[in-house]
N, C-alpha and C. Protein backbone atom coordinates (compact mmCIF):
# COMPACT_ATOMS: atom_id res chain seq x y z
N MET A 1 14.62 -18.40 4.75
CA MET A 1 14.15 -17.20 5.41
C MET A 1 12.63 -17.23 5.47
N GLU A 2 12.08 -17.05 6.64
CA GLU A 2 10.64 -17.09 6.81
C GLU A 2 10.01 -15.76 6.39
N GLU A 3 8.85 -15.84 5.75
CA GLU A 3 8.14 -14.67 5.29
C GLU A 3 7.46 -13.98 6.46
N ASP A 4 7.36 -12.65 6.41
CA ASP A 4 6.69 -11.90 7.46
C ASP A 4 5.22 -12.29 7.52
N PRO A 5 4.61 -12.23 8.72
CA PRO A 5 3.17 -12.52 8.82
C PRO A 5 2.36 -11.50 8.03
N ALA A 6 1.20 -11.94 7.54
CA ALA A 6 0.35 -11.09 6.70
C ALA A 6 0.02 -9.76 7.36
N PRO A 7 -0.37 -9.73 8.64
CA PRO A 7 -0.70 -8.42 9.23
C PRO A 7 0.47 -7.44 9.19
N TYR A 8 1.69 -7.93 9.39
CA TYR A 8 2.86 -7.07 9.33
C TYR A 8 3.07 -6.55 7.90
N ARG A 9 2.94 -7.43 6.91
CA ARG A 9 3.10 -7.01 5.51
C ARG A 9 2.04 -5.99 5.13
N ILE A 10 0.81 -6.17 5.61
CA ILE A 10 -0.26 -5.22 5.33
C ILE A 10 0.11 -3.85 5.89
N LEU A 11 0.55 -3.81 7.13
CA LEU A 11 0.94 -2.54 7.75
C LEU A 11 2.12 -1.90 7.01
N ARG A 12 3.09 -2.72 6.63
CA ARG A 12 4.26 -2.19 5.92
C ARG A 12 3.85 -1.60 4.57
N LEU A 13 2.98 -2.30 3.83
CA LEU A 13 2.53 -1.78 2.54
C LEU A 13 1.75 -0.49 2.71
N ARG A 14 0.89 -0.42 3.73
CA ARG A 14 0.14 0.82 3.98
C ARG A 14 1.09 1.97 4.25
N ALA A 15 2.14 1.72 5.03
CA ALA A 15 3.12 2.77 5.32
C ALA A 15 3.82 3.22 4.04
N GLU A 16 4.20 2.26 3.20
CA GLU A 16 4.87 2.58 1.94
C GLU A 16 3.95 3.39 1.04
N ILE A 17 2.68 3.04 1.00
CA ILE A 17 1.71 3.77 0.17
C ILE A 17 1.55 5.20 0.67
N LEU A 18 1.50 5.38 1.98
CA LEU A 18 1.41 6.73 2.54
C LEU A 18 2.64 7.55 2.17
N GLU A 19 3.82 6.95 2.26
CA GLU A 19 5.05 7.66 1.89
C GLU A 19 5.04 8.04 0.42
N LEU A 20 4.62 7.12 -0.42
CA LEU A 20 4.57 7.41 -1.86
C LEU A 20 3.57 8.51 -2.16
N GLY A 21 2.43 8.48 -1.48
CA GLY A 21 1.43 9.53 -1.68
C GLY A 21 2.00 10.89 -1.33
N SER A 22 2.75 10.95 -0.26
CA SER A 22 3.39 12.20 0.15
C SER A 22 4.42 12.65 -0.88
N ALA A 23 5.21 11.70 -1.38
CA ALA A 23 6.21 12.02 -2.39
C ALA A 23 5.55 12.53 -3.68
N ILE A 24 4.45 11.91 -4.06
CA ILE A 24 3.73 12.32 -5.27
C ILE A 24 3.21 13.75 -5.11
N ARG A 25 2.63 14.04 -3.96
CA ARG A 25 2.12 15.41 -3.72
C ARG A 25 3.25 16.43 -3.78
N GLN A 26 4.40 16.08 -3.23
CA GLN A 26 5.54 16.99 -3.26
C GLN A 26 6.03 17.20 -4.69
N LEU A 27 6.13 16.12 -5.46
CA LEU A 27 6.54 16.25 -6.86
C LEU A 27 5.56 17.13 -7.63
N GLN A 28 4.26 16.93 -7.39
CA GLN A 28 3.25 17.72 -8.09
C GLN A 28 3.35 19.20 -7.72
N ARG A 29 3.57 19.49 -6.43
CA ARG A 29 3.71 20.89 -5.99
C ARG A 29 4.89 21.56 -6.68
N GLU A 30 5.94 20.80 -6.90
CA GLU A 30 7.15 21.35 -7.52
C GLU A 30 7.11 21.29 -9.04
N GLY A 31 6.01 20.78 -9.59
CA GLY A 31 5.85 20.73 -11.04
C GLY A 31 6.74 19.69 -11.71
N LEU A 32 7.13 18.67 -10.96
CA LEU A 32 8.00 17.63 -11.51
C LEU A 32 7.20 16.41 -11.94
N ASP A 33 7.82 15.56 -12.75
CA ASP A 33 7.17 14.36 -13.26
C ASP A 33 6.99 13.34 -12.13
N ASP A 34 5.76 12.88 -11.95
CA ASP A 34 5.47 11.92 -10.88
C ASP A 34 5.03 10.56 -11.43
N ALA A 35 5.29 10.32 -12.72
CA ALA A 35 4.82 9.09 -13.36
C ALA A 35 5.39 7.83 -12.71
N ALA A 36 6.67 7.83 -12.41
CA ALA A 36 7.28 6.64 -11.80
C ALA A 36 6.69 6.38 -10.43
N ALA A 37 6.49 7.43 -9.65
CA ALA A 37 5.90 7.27 -8.31
C ALA A 37 4.44 6.82 -8.42
N GLN A 38 3.72 7.31 -9.42
CA GLN A 38 2.33 6.89 -9.63
C GLN A 38 2.27 5.40 -9.96
N LEU A 39 3.19 4.94 -10.80
CA LEU A 39 3.24 3.53 -11.17
C LEU A 39 3.57 2.67 -9.95
N LEU A 40 4.53 3.11 -9.17
CA LEU A 40 4.92 2.36 -7.98
C LEU A 40 3.79 2.29 -6.97
N ILE A 41 3.07 3.38 -6.76
CA ILE A 41 1.97 3.37 -5.80
C ILE A 41 0.84 2.46 -6.30
N ALA A 42 0.62 2.42 -7.60
CA ALA A 42 -0.40 1.52 -8.14
C ALA A 42 -0.02 0.07 -7.90
N ARG A 43 1.26 -0.24 -8.06
CA ARG A 43 1.74 -1.61 -7.81
C ARG A 43 1.60 -1.98 -6.34
N LYS A 44 1.96 -1.04 -5.46
CA LYS A 44 1.85 -1.29 -4.01
C LYS A 44 0.39 -1.50 -3.61
N ARG A 45 -0.51 -0.71 -4.19
CA ARG A 45 -1.94 -0.88 -3.89
C ARG A 45 -2.44 -2.24 -4.37
N ALA A 46 -1.96 -2.68 -5.53
CA ALA A 46 -2.34 -4.01 -6.03
C ALA A 46 -1.81 -5.11 -5.12
N GLN A 47 -0.57 -4.95 -4.65
CA GLN A 47 -0.01 -5.93 -3.71
C GLN A 47 -0.83 -5.97 -2.43
N LEU A 48 -1.20 -4.79 -1.93
CA LEU A 48 -1.99 -4.72 -0.71
C LEU A 48 -3.35 -5.38 -0.91
N ASP A 49 -3.98 -5.09 -2.04
CA ASP A 49 -5.28 -5.68 -2.33
C ASP A 49 -5.19 -7.20 -2.37
N HIS A 50 -4.16 -7.71 -3.04
CA HIS A 50 -3.96 -9.16 -3.13
C HIS A 50 -3.72 -9.77 -1.75
N LEU A 51 -2.90 -9.11 -0.96
CA LEU A 51 -2.58 -9.61 0.37
C LEU A 51 -3.81 -9.62 1.27
N VAL A 52 -4.59 -8.55 1.21
CA VAL A 52 -5.80 -8.47 2.03
C VAL A 52 -6.79 -9.55 1.63
N LYS A 53 -6.93 -9.79 0.33
CA LYS A 53 -7.87 -10.81 -0.14
C LYS A 53 -7.43 -12.22 0.23
N SER A 54 -6.13 -12.41 0.41
CA SER A 54 -5.63 -13.75 0.75
C SER A 54 -5.29 -13.88 2.23
N ASP A 55 -5.72 -12.91 3.05
CA ASP A 55 -5.43 -12.91 4.49
C ASP A 55 -6.01 -14.17 5.12
N PRO A 56 -5.16 -15.06 5.64
CA PRO A 56 -5.64 -16.32 6.20
C PRO A 56 -6.47 -16.16 7.48
N ALA A 57 -6.38 -15.02 8.12
CA ALA A 57 -7.15 -14.79 9.34
C ALA A 57 -8.63 -14.61 9.05
N GLY A 58 -8.96 -14.34 7.80
CA GLY A 58 -10.36 -14.18 7.43
C GLY A 58 -10.90 -12.79 7.69
N VAL A 59 -10.11 -11.92 8.26
CA VAL A 59 -10.52 -10.53 8.48
C VAL A 59 -9.83 -9.69 7.44
N HIS A 60 -10.61 -8.98 6.64
CA HIS A 60 -10.04 -8.17 5.57
C HIS A 60 -10.02 -6.72 5.99
N HIS A 61 -8.93 -6.05 5.65
CA HIS A 61 -8.75 -4.64 5.95
C HIS A 61 -8.78 -3.89 4.63
N ASP A 62 -9.49 -2.75 4.63
CA ASP A 62 -9.44 -1.97 3.39
C ASP A 62 -8.18 -1.11 3.42
N ILE A 63 -7.90 -0.45 2.32
CA ILE A 63 -6.66 0.31 2.19
C ILE A 63 -6.59 1.46 3.20
N THR A 64 -7.75 1.97 3.61
CA THR A 64 -7.75 3.11 4.54
C THR A 64 -7.58 2.67 5.99
N GLY A 65 -7.49 1.39 6.24
CA GLY A 65 -7.26 0.92 7.59
C GLY A 65 -8.50 0.41 8.30
N GLY A 66 -9.65 0.53 7.67
CA GLY A 66 -10.89 0.03 8.26
C GLY A 66 -10.99 -1.48 8.12
N HIS A 67 -11.96 -2.05 8.76
CA HIS A 67 -12.15 -3.49 8.71
C HIS A 67 -13.46 -3.81 8.00
N ARG A 68 -13.46 -4.91 7.30
CA ARG A 68 -14.70 -5.43 6.74
C ARG A 68 -14.64 -6.94 6.81
N SER A 69 -15.77 -7.58 6.99
CA SER A 69 -15.79 -9.05 7.12
C SER A 69 -16.16 -9.70 5.82
């Protein structure tokens, strides 16, 4: 099975991080424990950071969607 291209994985991770952020805010509003979601979002951010740093295209994207060279 071929791995997805880096730009697609970057976009997918950003989408997952946005979803987790929304879930965390909802849990906090309801006064529920958000520790598991916080841990998962930290892992996703680390994956995104690693992927961006190893982007073979040489163009790095920050987590907010901006570009830096």
